[in-house]
Amino acid sequence: MEKKITPFLVMMMMGVMIIAAIFAVQGVKLQNRVSGAETTFHALQTDYFVNNTKVERESAPAGSELNQQLAQIQNGPSELLRLKLIGVGKILTGIFVLLFGILFSLFMVPFRLGWVLNRTKSN
């Protein structure tokens, strides 16, 4: 019976480790995108506020290039926050899944040790 359970547990642990790694890698990729998004956001702000006077910005007609830039500037912080929070969340989820797998392995050690001891006594 133990010979059938052990490969299953090993495969399950490998699966848990792969899932944890996937979450962690996705989180790191999102965190790496933050710096590029911040650079783009700051460049957009500079282009909008420095290169255009207040009168030009306020008198821009609806649907114009300036209003589209303003909409992108207003959406920028929420996009940055999304990248940061989801990235950190995925990293922490990966860590949690990996720690859960380690805890499960540690929980199974006494059962495996008991099986080995019973097998040694019977021989």
PDB file of N, CA and C in Angstrom:
ATOM      1  N   MET A   1       0.819  -1.187   0.000  1.00  0.00           N
ATOM      2  CA  MET A   1       0.000   0.000   0.000  1.00  0.00           C
ATOM      3  C   MET A   1       0.870   1.261   0.000  1.00  0.00           C
ATOM      4  N   GLU A   2       1.943   1.286   0.795  1.00  0.00           N
ATOM      5  CA  GLU A   2       2.820   2.451   0.897  1.00  0.00           C
ATOM      6  C   GLU A   2       3.541   2.719  -0.417  1.00  0.00           C
ATOM      7  N   LYS A   3       3.826   1.678  -1.180  1.00  0.00           N
ATOM      8  CA  LYS A   3       4.523   1.869  -2.444  1.00  0.00           C
ATOM      9  C   LYS A   3       3.658   2.650  -3.431  1.00  0.00           C
ATOM     10  N   LYS A   4       2.340   2.546  -3.320  1.00  0.00           N
ATOM     11  CA  LYS A   4       1.452   3.289  -4.206  1.00  0.00           C
ATOM     12  C   LYS A   4       1.246   4.719  -3.720  1.00  0.00           C
ATOM     13  N   ILE A   5       1.257   4.934  -2.420  1.00  0.00           N
ATOM     14  CA  ILE A   5       0.991   6.262  -1.868  1.00  0.00           C
ATOM     15  C   ILE A   5       2.195   7.185  -2.043  1.00  0.00           C
ATOM     16  N   THR A   6       3.406   6.688  -1.845  1.00  0.00           N
ATOM     17  CA  THR A   6       4.597   7.528  -1.898  1.00  0.00           C
ATOM     18  C   THR A   6       4.768   8.227  -3.242  1.00  0.00           C
ATOM     19  N   PRO A   7       4.660   7.535  -4.399  1.00  0.00           N
ATOM     20  CA  PRO A   7       4.787   8.262  -5.673  1.00  0.00           C
ATOM     21  C   PRO A   7       3.690   9.310  -5.848  1.00  0.00           C
ATOM     22  N   PHE A   8       2.493   9.010  -5.355  1.00  0.00           N
ATOM     23  CA  PHE A   8       1.412   9.979  -5.444  1.00  0.00           C
ATOM     24  C   PHE A   8       1.743  11.235  -4.645  1.00  0.00           C
ATOM     25  N   LEU A   9       2.273  11.047  -3.443  1.00  0.00           N
ATOM     26  CA  LEU A   9       2.623  12.197  -2.605  1.00  0.00           C
ATOM     27  C   LEU A   9       3.761  13.005  -3.215  1.00  0.00           C
ATOM     28  N   VAL A  10       4.723  12.315  -3.802  1.00  0.00           N
ATOM     29  CA  VAL A  10       5.828  13.016  -4.456  1.00  0.00           C
ATOM     30  C   VAL A  10       5.314  13.826  -5.642  1.00  0.00           C
ATOM     31  N   MET A  11       4.450  13.231  -6.427  1.00  0.00           N
ATOM     32  CA  MET A  11       3.875  13.948  -7.570  1.00  0.00           C
ATOM     33  C   MET A  11       3.028  15.130  -7.098  1.00  0.00           C
ATOM     34  N   MET A  12       2.307  14.951  -6.011  1.00  0.00           N
ATOM     35  CA  MET A  12       1.489  16.025  -5.478  1.00  0.00           C
ATOM     36  C   MET A  12       2.378  17.177  -5.007  1.00  0.00           C
ATOM     37  N   MET A  13       3.480  16.851  -4.337  1.00  0.00           N
ATOM     38  CA  MET A  13       4.397  17.892  -3.876  1.00  0.00           C
ATOM     39  C   MET A  13       5.044  18.615  -5.060  1.00  0.00           C
ATOM     40  N   MET A  14       5.376  17.883  -6.104  1.00  0.00           N
ATOM     41  CA  MET A  14       5.927  18.515  -7.297  1.00  0.00           C
ATOM     42  C   MET A  14       4.905  19.479  -7.900  1.00  0.00           C
ATOM     43  N   GLY A  15       3.654  19.051  -7.924  1.00  0.00           N
ATOM     44  CA  GLY A  15       2.589  19.917  -8.425  1.00  0.00           C
ATOM     45  C   GLY A  15       2.437  21.172  -7.590  1.00  0.00           C
ATOM     46  N   VAL A  16       2.493  21.026  -6.278  1.00  0.00           N
ATOM     47  CA  VAL A  16       2.385  22.179  -5.382  1.00  0.00           C
ATOM     48  C   VAL A  16       3.548  23.138  -5.622  1.00  0.00           C
ATOM     49  N   MET A  17       4.749  22.586  -5.780  1.00  0.00           N
ATOM     50  CA  MET A  17       5.920  23.434  -6.012  1.00  0.00           C
ATOM     51  C   MET A  17       5.827  24.159  -7.356  1.00  0.00           C
ATOM     52  N   ILE A  18       5.315  23.486  -8.369  1.00  0.00           N
ATOM     53  CA  ILE A  18       5.159  24.119  -9.681  1.00  0.00           C
ATOM     54  C   ILE A  18       4.125  25.232  -9.613  1.00  0.00           C
ATOM     55  N   ILE A  19       3.006  24.973  -8.937  1.00  0.00           N
ATOM     56  CA  ILE A  19       1.971  26.006  -8.793  1.00  0.00           C
ATOM     57  C   ILE A  19       2.524  27.209  -8.040  1.00  0.00           C
ATOM     58  N   ALA A  20       3.276  26.958  -6.968  1.00  0.00           N
ATOM     59  CA  ALA A  20       3.869  28.054  -6.198  1.00  0.00           C
ATOM     60  C   ALA A  20       4.834  28.858  -7.061  1.00  0.00           C
ATOM     61  N   ALA A  21       5.632  28.175  -7.857  1.00  0.00           N
ATOM     62  CA  ALA A  21       6.588  28.868  -8.725  1.00  0.00           C
ATOM     63  C   ALA A  21       5.873  29.704  -9.779  1.00  0.00           C
ATOM     64  N   ILE A  22       4.786  29.183 -10.319  1.00  0.00           N
ATOM     65  CA  ILE A  22       4.021  29.928 -11.327  1.00  0.00           C
ATOM     66  C   ILE A  22       3.482  31.220 -10.733  1.00  0.00           C
ATOM     67  N   PHE A  23       2.876  31.126  -9.543  1.00  0.00           N
ATOM     68  CA  PHE A  23       2.362  32.329  -8.896  1.00  0.00           C
ATOM     69  C   PHE A  23       3.475  33.334  -8.624  1.00  0.00           C
ATOM     70  N   ALA A  24       4.602  32.853  -8.114  1.00  0.00           N
ATOM     71  CA  ALA A  24       5.707  33.755  -7.788  1.00  0.00           C
ATOM     72  C   ALA A  24       6.258  34.429  -9.043  1.00  0.00           C
ATOM     73  N   VAL A  25       6.406  33.686 -10.118  1.00  0.00           N
ATOM     74  CA  VAL A  25       6.932  34.258 -11.366  1.00  0.00           C
ATOM     75  C   VAL A  25       5.960  35.294 -11.934  1.00  0.00           C
ATOM     76  N   GLN A  26       4.664  34.995 -11.899  1.00  0.00           N
ATOM     77  CA  GLN A  26       3.684  35.973 -12.376  1.00  0.00           C
ATOM     78  C   GLN A  26       3.748  37.254 -11.555  1.00  0.00           C
ATOM     79  N   GLY A  27       3.880  37.115 -10.246  1.00  0.00           N
ATOM     80  CA  GLY A  27       3.973  38.288  -9.382  1.00  0.00           C
ATOM     81  C   GLY A  27       5.213  39.110  -9.655  1.00  0.00           C
ATOM     82  N   VAL A  28       6.335  38.448  -9.871  1.00  0.00           N
ATOM     83  CA  VAL A  28       7.579  39.166 -10.162  1.00  0.00           C
ATOM     84  C   VAL A  28       7.478  39.883 -11.511  1.00  0.00           C
ATOM     85  N   LYS A  29       6.852  39.247 -12.489  1.00  0.00           N
ATOM     86  CA  LYS A  29       6.683  39.903 -13.790  1.00  0.00           C
ATOM     87  C   LYS A  29       5.830  41.162 -13.662  1.00  0.00           C
ATOM     88  N   LEU A  30       4.760  41.087 -12.871  1.00  0.00           N
ATOM     89  CA  LEU A  30       3.933  42.275 -12.661  1.00  0.00           C
ATOM     90  C   LEU A  30       4.717  43.373 -11.951  1.00  0.00           C
ATOM     91  N   GLN A  31       5.514  42.994 -10.971  1.00  0.00           N
ATOM     92  CA  GLN A  31       6.324  43.990 -10.268  1.00  0.00           C
ATOM     93  C   GLN A  31       7.357  44.620 -11.192  1.00  0.00           C
ATOM     94  N   ASN A  32       7.900  43.854 -12.121  1.00  0.00           N
ATOM     95  CA  ASN A  32       8.878  44.396 -13.067  1.00  0.00           C
ATOM     96  C   ASN A  32       8.236  45.367 -14.055  1.00  0.00           C
ATOM     97  N   ARG A  33       6.954  45.181 -14.338  1.00  0.00           N
ATOM     98  CA  ARG A  33       6.252  46.086 -15.247  1.00  0.00           C
ATOM     99  C   ARG A  33       5.972  47.438 -14.604  1.00  0.00           C
ATOM    100  N   VAL A  34       6.015  47.503 -13.271  1.00  0.00           N
ATOM    101  CA  VAL A  34       5.689  48.744 -12.566  1.00  0.00           C
ATOM    102  C   VAL A  34       6.656  49.859 -12.935  1.00  0.00           C
ATOM    103  N   SER A  35       7.946  49.584 -12.963  1.00  0.00           N
ATOM    104  CA  SER A  35       8.920  50.647 -13.238  1.00  0.00           C
ATOM    105  C   SER A  35       8.730  51.222 -14.642  1.00  0.00           C
ATOM    106  N   GLY A  36       8.453  50.379 -15.607  1.00  0.00           N
ATOM    107  CA  GLY A  36       8.194  50.871 -16.966  1.00  0.00           C
ATOM    108  C   GLY A  36       6.915  51.687 -17.040  1.00  0.00           C
ATOM    109  N   ALA A  37       5.887  51.240 -16.314  1.00  0.00           N
ATOM    110  CA  ALA A  37       4.622  51.969 -16.316  1.00  0.00           C
ATOM    111  C   ALA A  37       4.771  53.312 -15.610  1.00  0.00           C
ATOM    112  N   GLU A  38       5.570  53.360 -14.550  1.00  0.00           N
ATOM    113  CA  GLU A  38       5.807  54.630 -13.859  1.00  0.00           C
ATOM    114  C   GLU A  38       6.553  55.613 -14.763  1.00  0.00           C
ATOM    115  N   THR A  39       7.527  55.123 -15.494  1.00  0.00           N
ATOM    116  CA  THR A  39       8.278  55.986 -16.409  1.00  0.00           C
ATOM    117  C   THR A  39       7.360  56.555 -17.478  1.00  0.00           C
ATOM    118  N   THR A  40       6.514  55.715 -18.044  1.00  0.00           N
ATOM    119  CA  THR A  40       5.559  56.168 -19.061  1.00  0.00           C
ATOM    120  C   THR A  40       4.586  57.180 -18.474  1.00  0.00           C
ATOM    121  N   PHE A  41       4.120  56.908 -17.265  1.00  0.00           N
ATOM    122  CA  PHE A  41       3.165  57.794 -16.601  1.00  0.00           C
ATOM    123  C   PHE A  41       3.779  59.167 -16.346  1.00  0.00           C
ATOM    124  N   HIS A  42       5.003  59.193 -15.849  1.00  0.00           N
ATOM    125  CA  HIS A  42       5.659  60.473 -15.569  1.00  0.00           C
ATOM    126  C   HIS A  42       5.959  61.245 -16.855  1.00  0.00           C
ATOM    127  N   ALA A  43       6.333  60.544 -17.900  1.00  0.00           N
ATOM    128  CA  ALA A  43       6.574  61.205 -19.188  1.00  0.00           C
ATOM    129  C   ALA A  43       5.275  61.810 -19.725  1.00  0.00           C
ATOM    130  N   LEU A  44       4.173  61.091 -19.561  1.00  0.00           N
ATOM    131  CA  LEU A  44       2.872  61.583 -20.009  1.00  0.00           C
ATOM    132  C   LEU A  44       2.464  62.821 -19.211  1.00  0.00           C
ATOM    133  N   GLN A  45       2.701  62.797 -17.911  1.00  0.00           N
ATOM    134  CA  GLN A  45       2.398  63.962 -17.077  1.00  0.00           C
ATOM    135  C   GLN A  45       3.236  65.171 -17.499  1.00  0.00           C
ATOM    136  N   THR A  46       4.511  64.950 -17.714  1.00  0.00           N
ATOM    137  CA  THR A  46       5.394  66.041 -18.118  1.00  0.00           C
ATOM    138  C   THR A  46       4.948  66.624 -19.450  1.00  0.00           C
ATOM    139  N   ASP A  47       4.626  65.759 -20.394  1.00  0.00           N
ATOM    140  CA  ASP A  47       4.179  66.219 -21.705  1.00  0.00           C
ATOM    141  C   ASP A  47       2.900  67.037 -21.594  1.00  0.00           C
ATOM    142  N   TYR A  48       2.000  66.611 -20.747  1.00  0.00           N
ATOM    143  CA  TYR A  48       0.699  67.290 -20.622  1.00  0.00           C
ATOM    144  C   TYR A  48       0.823  68.616 -19.875  1.00  0.00           C
ATOM    145  N   PHE A  49       1.476  68.615 -18.728  1.00  0.00           N
ATOM    146  CA  PHE A  49       1.482  69.804 -17.890  1.00  0.00           C
ATOM    147  C   PHE A  49       2.561  70.825 -18.272  1.00  0.00           C
ATOM    148  N   VAL A  50       3.708  70.391 -18.724  1.00  0.00           N
ATOM    149  CA  VAL A  50       4.802  71.321 -19.022  1.00  0.00           C
ATOM    150  C   VAL A  50       4.666  71.907 -20.424  1.00  0.00           C
ATOM    151  N   ASN A  51       4.283  71.087 -21.379  1.00  0.00           N
ATOM    152  CA  ASN A  51       4.259  71.537 -22.763  1.00  0.00           C
ATOM    153  C   ASN A  51       2.979  72.286 -23.148  1.00  0.00           C
ATOM    154  N   ASN A  52       1.983  72.291 -22.288  1.00  0.00           N
ATOM    155  CA  ASN A  52       0.722  72.972 -22.588  1.00  0.00           C
ATOM    156  C   ASN A  52       0.394  73.945 -21.459  1.00  0.00           C
ATOM    157  N   THR A  53      -0.076  75.109 -21.839  1.00  0.00           N
ATOM    158  CA  THR A  53      -0.455  76.085 -20.818  1.00  0.00           C
ATOM    159  C   THR A  53      -1.800  75.696 -20.223  1.00  0.00           C
ATOM    160  N   LYS A  54      -2.119  76.317 -19.110  1.00  0.00           N
ATOM    161  CA  LYS A  54      -3.388  76.029 -18.446  1.00  0.00           C
ATOM    162  C   LYS A  54      -4.567  76.408 -19.339  1.00  0.00           C
ATOM    163  N   VAL A  55      -4.457  77.489 -20.051  1.00  0.00           N
ATOM    164  CA  VAL A  55      -5.527  77.933 -20.944  1.00  0.00           C
ATOM    165  C   VAL A  55      -5.747  76.907 -22.054  1.00  0.00           C
ATOM    166  N   GLU A  56      -4.661  76.384 -22.628  1.00  0.00           N
ATOM    167  CA  GLU A  56      -4.782  75.372 -23.681  1.00  0.00           C
ATOM    168  C   GLU A  56      -5.437  74.106 -23.145  1.00  0.00           C
ATOM    169  N   ARG A  57      -5.035  73.699 -21.946  1.00  0.00           N
ATOM    170  CA  ARG A  57      -5.607  72.480 -21.364  1.00  0.00           C
ATOM    171  C   ARG A  57      -7.095  72.634 -21.068  1.00  0.00           C
ATOM    172  N   GLU A  58      -7.489  73.778 -20.532  1.00  0.00           N
ATOM    173  CA  GLU A  58      -8.888  73.988 -20.162  1.00  0.00           C
ATOM    174  C   GLU A  58      -9.784  74.229 -21.372  1.00  0.00           C
ATOM    175  N   SER A  59      -9.248  74.809 -22.434  1.00  0.00           N
ATOM    176  CA  SER A  59     -10.073  75.109 -23.604  1.00  0.00           C
ATOM    177  C   SER A  59     -10.052  73.997 -24.649  1.00  0.00           C
ATOM    178  N   ALA A  60      -9.446  72.875 -24.339  1.00  0.00           N
ATOM    179  CA  ALA A  60      -9.375  71.769 -25.307  1.00  0.00           C
ATOM    180  C   ALA A  60     -10.770  71.203 -25.537  1.00  0.00           C
ATOM    181  N   PRO A  61     -11.170  70.996 -26.793  1.00  0.00           N
ATOM    182  CA  PRO A  61     -12.501  70.453 -27.073  1.00  0.00           C
ATOM    183  C   PRO A  61     -12.593  68.976 -26.659  1.00  0.00           C
ATOM    184  N   ALA A  62     -13.808  68.534 -26.438  1.00  0.00           N
ATOM    185  CA  ALA A  62     -14.040  67.142 -26.037  1.00  0.00           C
ATOM    186  C   ALA A  62     -13.532  66.202 -27.124  1.00  0.00           C
ATOM    187  N   GLY A  63     -12.873  65.142 -26.689  1.00  0.00           N
ATOM    188  CA  GLY A  63     -12.350  64.147 -27.617  1.00  0.00           C
ATOM    189  C   GLY A  63     -11.025  64.530 -28.247  1.00  0.00           C
ATOM    190  N   SER A  64     -10.461  65.660 -27.842  1.00  0.00           N
ATOM    191  CA  SER A  64      -9.195  66.094 -28.434  1.00  0.00           C
ATOM    192  C   SER A  64      -8.038  65.293 -27.844  1.00  0.00           C
ATOM    193  N   GLU A  65      -6.870  65.505 -28.431  1.00  0.00           N
ATOM    194  CA  GLU A  65      -5.652  64.819 -27.974  1.00  0.00           C
ATOM    195  C   GLU A  65      -5.343  65.143 -26.515  1.00  0.00           C
ATOM    196  N   LEU A  66      -5.532  66.400 -26.131  1.00  0.00           N
ATOM    197  CA  LEU A  66      -5.254  66.799 -24.750  1.00  0.00           C
ATOM    198  C   LEU A  66      -6.187  66.118 -23.757  1.00  0.00           C
ATOM    199  N   ASN A  67      -7.449  66.009 -24.118  1.00  0.00           N
ATOM    200  CA  ASN A  67      -8.393  65.328 -23.219  1.00  0.00           C
ATOM    201  C   ASN A  67      -8.101  63.834 -23.125  1.00  0.00           C
ATOM    202  N   GLN A  68      -7.639  63.255 -24.197  1.00  0.00           N
ATOM    203  CA  GLN A  68      -7.253  61.839 -24.149  1.00  0.00           C
ATOM    204  C   GLN A  68      -6.017  61.647 -23.281  1.00  0.00           C
ATOM    205  N   GLN A  69      -5.076  62.582 -23.355  1.00  0.00           N
ATOM    206  CA  GLN A  69      -3.910  62.509 -22.482  1.00  0.00           C
ATOM    207  C   GLN A  69      -4.320  62.657 -21.023  1.00  0.00           C
ATOM    208  N   LEU A  70      -5.249  63.570 -20.750  1.00  0.00           N
ATOM    209  CA  LEU A  70      -5.720  63.760 -19.380  1.00  0.00           C
ATOM    210  C   LEU A  70      -6.388  62.496 -18.862  1.00  0.00           C
ATOM    211  N   ALA A  71      -7.163  61.835 -19.699  1.00  0.00           N
ATOM    212  CA  ALA A  71      -7.815  60.585 -19.284  1.00  0.00           C
ATOM    213  C   ALA A  71      -6.764  59.517 -18.970  1.00  0.00           C
ATOM    214  N   GLN A  72      -5.712  59.431 -19.765  1.00  0.00           N
ATOM    215  CA  GLN A  72      -4.640  58.470 -19.488  1.00  0.00           C
ATOM    216  C   GLN A  72      -3.921  58.810 -18.187  1.00  0.00           C
ATOM    217  N   ILE A  73      -3.715  60.095 -17.936  1.00  0.00           N
ATOM    218  CA  ILE A  73      -3.062  60.513 -16.691  1.00  0.00           C
ATOM    219  C   ILE A  73      -3.932  60.157 -15.496  1.00  0.00           C
ATOM    220  N   GLN A  74      -5.236  60.347 -15.613  1.00  0.00           N
ATOM    221  CA  GLN A  74      -6.142  60.039 -14.507  1.00  0.00           C
ATOM    222  C   GLN A  74      -6.250  58.542 -14.259  1.00  0.00           C
ATOM    223  N   ASN A  75      -6.082  57.723 -15.284  1.00  0.00           N
ATOM    224  CA  ASN A  75      -6.141  56.269 -15.123  1.00  0.00           C
ATOM    225  C   ASN A  75      -4.799  55.671 -14.699  1.00  0.00           C
ATOM    226  N   GLY A  76      -3.739  56.440 -14.814  1.00  0.00           N
ATOM    227  CA  GLY A  76      -2.397  55.938 -14.507  1.00  0.00           C
ATOM    228  C   GLY A  76      -2.224  55.421 -13.092  1.00  0.00           C
ATOM    229  N   PRO A  77      -2.587  56.186 -12.061  1.00  0.00           N
ATOM    230  CA  PRO A  77      -2.384  55.694 -10.686  1.00  0.00           C
ATOM    231  C   PRO A  77      -3.127  54.398 -10.378  1.00  0.00           C
ATOM    232  N   SER A  78      -4.337  54.251 -10.911  1.00  0.00           N
ATOM    233  CA  SER A  78      -5.069  53.008 -10.637  1.00  0.00           C
ATOM    234  C   SER A  78      -4.409  51.817 -11.323  1.00  0.00           C
ATOM    235  N   GLU A  79      -3.849  52.031 -12.500  1.00  0.00           N
ATOM    236  CA  GLU A  79      -3.142  50.949 -13.193  1.00  0.00           C
ATOM    237  C   GLU A  79      -1.862  50.567 -12.445  1.00  0.00           C
ATOM    238  N   LEU A  80      -1.134  51.569 -11.964  1.00  0.00           N
ATOM    239  CA  LEU A  80       0.068  51.286 -11.184  1.00  0.00           C
ATOM    240  C   LEU A  80      -0.279  50.539  -9.904  1.00  0.00           C
ATOM    241  N   LEU A  81      -1.341  50.974  -9.246  1.00  0.00           N
ATOM    242  CA  LEU A  81      -1.768  50.308  -8.013  1.00  0.00           C
ATOM    243  C   LEU A  81      -2.171  48.859  -8.290  1.00  0.00           C
ATOM    244  N   ARG A  82      -2.863  48.642  -9.400  1.00  0.00           N
ATOM    245  CA  ARG A  82      -3.257  47.281  -9.767  1.00  0.00           C
ATOM    246  C   ARG A  82      -2.032  46.402  -9.982  1.00  0.00           C
ATOM    247  N   LEU A  83      -1.054  46.912 -10.720  1.00  0.00           N
ATOM    248  CA  LEU A  83       0.157  46.134 -10.969  1.00  0.00           C
ATOM    249  C   LEU A  83       0.875  45.799  -9.665  1.00  0.00           C
ATOM    250  N   LYS A  84       0.983  46.782  -8.794  1.00  0.00           N
ATOM    251  CA  LYS A  84       1.704  46.568  -7.540  1.00  0.00           C
ATOM    252  C   LYS A  84       0.966  45.596  -6.636  1.00  0.00           C
ATOM    253  N   LEU A  85      -0.323  45.813  -6.422  1.00  0.00           N
ATOM    254  CA  LEU A  85      -1.067  44.980  -5.476  1.00  0.00           C
ATOM    255  C   LEU A  85      -1.239  43.549  -5.965  1.00  0.00           C
ATOM    256  N   ILE A  86      -1.575  43.386  -7.222  1.00  0.00           N
ATOM    257  CA  ILE A  86      -1.748  42.027  -7.741  1.00  0.00           C
ATOM    258  C   ILE A  86      -0.407  41.314  -7.795  1.00  0.00           C
ATOM    259  N   GLY A  87       0.653  42.041  -8.124  1.00  0.00           N
ATOM    260  CA  GLY A  87       1.983  41.434  -8.135  1.00  0.00           C
ATOM    261  C   GLY A  87       2.393  40.932  -6.759  1.00  0.00           C
ATOM    262  N   VAL A  88       2.217  41.769  -5.759  1.00  0.00           N
ATOM    263  CA  VAL A  88       2.553  41.355  -4.392  1.00  0.00           C
ATOM    264  C   VAL A  88       1.644  40.215  -3.948  1.00  0.00           C
ATOM    265  N   GLY A  89       0.367  40.294  -4.308  1.00  0.00           N
ATOM    266  CA  GLY A  89      -0.566  39.226  -3.944  1.00  0.00           C
ATOM    267  C   GLY A  89      -0.177  37.885  -4.548  1.00  0.00           C
ATOM    268  N   LYS A  90       0.236  37.892  -5.794  1.00  0.00           N
ATOM    269  CA  LYS A  90       0.644  36.634  -6.433  1.00  0.00           C
ATOM    270  C   LYS A  90       1.924  36.086  -5.823  1.00  0.00           C
ATOM    271  N   ILE A  91       2.864  36.975  -5.505  1.00  0.00           N
ATOM    272  CA  ILE A  91       4.089  36.516  -4.848  1.00  0.00           C
ATOM    273  C   ILE A  91       3.753  35.882  -3.497  1.00  0.00           C
ATOM    274  N   LEU A  92       2.920  36.548  -2.718  1.00  0.00           N
ATOM    275  CA  LEU A  92       2.549  36.015  -1.402  1.00  0.00           C
ATOM    276  C   LEU A  92       1.741  34.727  -1.511  1.00  0.00           C
ATOM    277  N   THR A  93       0.911  34.616  -2.545  1.00  0.00           N
ATOM    278  CA  THR A  93       0.173  33.374  -2.758  1.00  0.00           C
ATOM    279  C   THR A  93       1.127  32.232  -3.072  1.00  0.00           C
ATOM    280  N   GLY A  94       2.119  32.497  -3.905  1.00  0.00           N
ATOM    281  CA  GLY A  94       3.116  31.472  -4.215  1.00  0.00           C
ATOM    282  C   GLY A  94       3.864  31.025  -2.976  1.00  0.00           C
ATOM    283  N   ILE A  95       4.248  31.985  -2.133  1.00  0.00           N
ATOM    284  CA  ILE A  95       4.936  31.643  -0.888  1.00  0.00           C
ATOM    285  C   ILE A  95       4.026  30.836   0.021  1.00  0.00           C
ATOM    286  N   PHE A  96       2.759  31.238   0.137  1.00  0.00           N
ATOM    287  CA  PHE A  96       1.815  30.514   0.984  1.00  0.00           C
ATOM    288  C   PHE A  96       1.622  29.072   0.506  1.00  0.00           C
ATOM    289  N   VAL A  97       1.458  28.891  -0.799  1.00  0.00           N
ATOM    290  CA  VAL A  97       1.263  27.539  -1.338  1.00  0.00           C
ATOM    291  C   VAL A  97       2.491  26.680  -1.061  1.00  0.00           C
ATOM    292  N   LEU A  98       3.672  27.239  -1.244  1.00  0.00           N
ATOM    293  CA  LEU A  98       4.899  26.487  -0.986  1.00  0.00           C
ATOM    294  C   LEU A  98       5.020  26.129   0.497  1.00  0.00           C
ATOM    295  N   LEU A  99       4.722  27.068   1.380  1.00  0.00           N
ATOM    296  CA  LEU A  99       4.775  26.777   2.816  1.00  0.00           C
ATOM    297  C   LEU A  99       3.722  25.744   3.226  1.00  0.00           C
ATOM    298  N   PHE A 100       2.562  25.796   2.588  1.00  0.00           N
ATOM    299  CA  PHE A 100       1.537  24.788   2.856  1.00  0.00           C
ATOM    300  C   PHE A 100       2.027  23.403   2.442  1.00  0.00           C
ATOM    301  N   GLY A 101       2.704  23.322   1.309  1.00  0.00           N
ATOM    302  CA  GLY A 101       3.270  22.048   0.864  1.00  0.00           C
ATOM    303  C   GLY A 101       4.331  21.539   1.822  1.00  0.00           C
ATOM    304  N   ILE A 102       5.164  22.435   2.328  1.00  0.00           N
ATOM    305  CA  ILE A 102       6.182  22.035   3.307  1.00  0.00           C
ATOM    306  C   ILE A 102       5.525  21.547   4.580  1.00  0.00           C
ATOM    307  N   LEU A 103       4.486  22.253   5.021  1.00  0.00           N
ATOM    308  CA  LEU A 103       3.758  21.828   6.221  1.00  0.00           C
ATOM    309  C   LEU A 103       3.137  20.452   6.027  1.00  0.00           C
ATOM    310  N   PHE A 104       2.575  20.205   4.871  1.00  0.00           N
ATOM    311  CA  PHE A 104       1.986  18.896   4.584  1.00  0.00           C
ATOM    312  C   PHE A 104       3.062  17.815   4.607  1.00  0.00           C
ATOM    313  N   SER A 105       4.222  18.108   4.040  1.00  0.00           N
ATOM    314  CA  SER A 105       5.333  17.145   4.053  1.00  0.00           C
ATOM    315  C   SER A 105       5.766  16.834   5.474  1.00  0.00           C
ATOM    316  N   LEU A 106       5.877  17.866   6.298  1.00  0.00           N
ATOM    317  CA  LEU A 106       6.265  17.651   7.689  1.00  0.00           C
ATOM    318  C   LEU A 106       5.203  16.867   8.450  1.00  0.00           C
ATOM    319  N   PHE A 107       3.958  17.059   8.081  1.00  0.00           N
ATOM    320  CA  PHE A 107       2.871  16.307   8.708  1.00  0.00           C
ATOM    321  C   PHE A 107       2.953  14.826   8.340  1.00  0.00           C
ATOM    322  N   MET A 108       3.423  14.531   7.138  1.00  0.00           N
ATOM    323  CA  MET A 108       3.473  13.143   6.670  1.00  0.00           C
ATOM    324  C   MET A 108       4.705  12.388   7.174  1.00  0.00           C
ATOM    325  N   VAL A 109       5.716  13.082   7.692  1.00  0.00           N
ATOM    326  CA  VAL A 109       6.947  12.434   8.152  1.00  0.00           C
ATOM    327  C   VAL A 109       6.670  11.387   9.242  1.00  0.00           C
ATOM    328  N   PRO A 110       5.882  11.665  10.278  1.00  0.00           N
ATOM    329  CA  PRO A 110       5.653  10.632  11.295  1.00  0.00           C
ATOM    330  C   PRO A 110       4.981   9.371  10.742  1.00  0.00           C
ATOM    331  N   PHE A 111       4.070   9.543   9.786  1.00  0.00           N
ATOM    332  CA  PHE A 111       3.416   8.372   9.197  1.00  0.00           C
ATOM    333  C   PHE A 111       4.418   7.522   8.412  1.00  0.00           C
ATOM    334  N   ARG A 112       5.269   8.164   7.672  1.00  0.00           N
ATOM    335  CA  ARG A 112       6.294   7.446   6.921  1.00  0.00           C
ATOM    336  C   ARG A 112       7.286   6.775   7.879  1.00  0.00           C
ATOM    337  N   LEU A 113       7.685   7.465   8.940  1.00  0.00           N
ATOM    338  CA  LEU A 113       8.595   6.895   9.932  1.00  0.00           C
ATOM    339  C   LEU A 113       7.956   5.694  10.620  1.00  0.00           C
ATOM    340  N   GLY A 114       6.671   5.800  10.957  1.00  0.00           N
ATOM    341  CA  GLY A 114       5.957   4.671  11.561  1.00  0.00           C
ATOM    342  C   GLY A 114       5.914   3.476  10.616  1.00  0.00           C
ATOM    343  N   TRP A 115       5.712   3.704   9.347  1.00  0.00           N
ATOM    344  CA  TRP A 115       5.676   2.613   8.381  1.00  0.00           C
ATOM    345  C   TRP A 115       7.043   1.941   8.302  1.00  0.00           C
ATOM    346  N   VAL A 116       8.124   2.746   8.297  1.00  0.00           N
ATOM    347  CA  VAL A 116       9.474   2.183   8.233  1.00  0.00           C
ATOM    348  C   VAL A 116       9.763   1.368   9.492  1.00  0.00           C
ATOM    349  N   LEU A 117       9.385   1.875  10.663  1.00  0.00           N
ATOM    350  CA  LEU A 117       9.629   1.157  11.910  1.00  0.00           C
ATOM    351  C   LEU A 117       8.840  -0.154  11.962  1.00  0.00           C
ATOM    352  N   ASN A 118       7.593  -0.141  11.540  1.00  0.00           N
ATOM    353  CA  ASN A 118       6.805  -1.384  11.494  1.00  0.00           C
ATOM    354  C   ASN A 118       7.393  -2.380  10.530  1.00  0.00           C
ATOM    355  N   ARG A 119       7.883  -1.925   9.421  1.00  0.00           N
ATOM    356  CA  ARG A 119       8.500  -2.808   8.443  1.00  0.00           C
ATOM    357  C   ARG A 119       9.800  -3.411   9.001  1.00  0.00           C
ATOM    358  N   THR A 120      10.581  -2.612   9.754  1.00  0.00           N
ATOM    359  CA  THR A 120      11.831  -3.096  10.345  1.00  0.00           C
ATOM    360  C   THR A 120      11.548  -4.125  11.432  1.00  0.00           C
ATOM    361  N   LYS A 121      10.515  -3.895  12.241  1.00  0.00           N
ATOM    362  CA  LYS A 121      10.170  -4.831  13.317  1.00  0.00           C
ATOM    363  C   LYS A 121       9.698  -6.169  12.756  1.00  0.00           C
ATOM    364  N   SER A 122       8.961  -6.141  11.668  1.00  0.00           N
ATOM    365  CA  SER A 122       8.446  -7.390  11.114  1.00  0.00           C
ATOM    366  C   SER A 122       9.526  -8.215  10.414  1.00  0.00           C
ATOM    367  N   ASN A 123      10.659  -7.622  10.069  1.00  0.00           N
ATOM    368  CA  ASN A 123      11.747  -8.379   9.418  1.00  0.00           C
ATOM    369  C   ASN A 123      12.682  -8.942  10.399  1.00  0.00           C
TER     370      ASN A 123
END
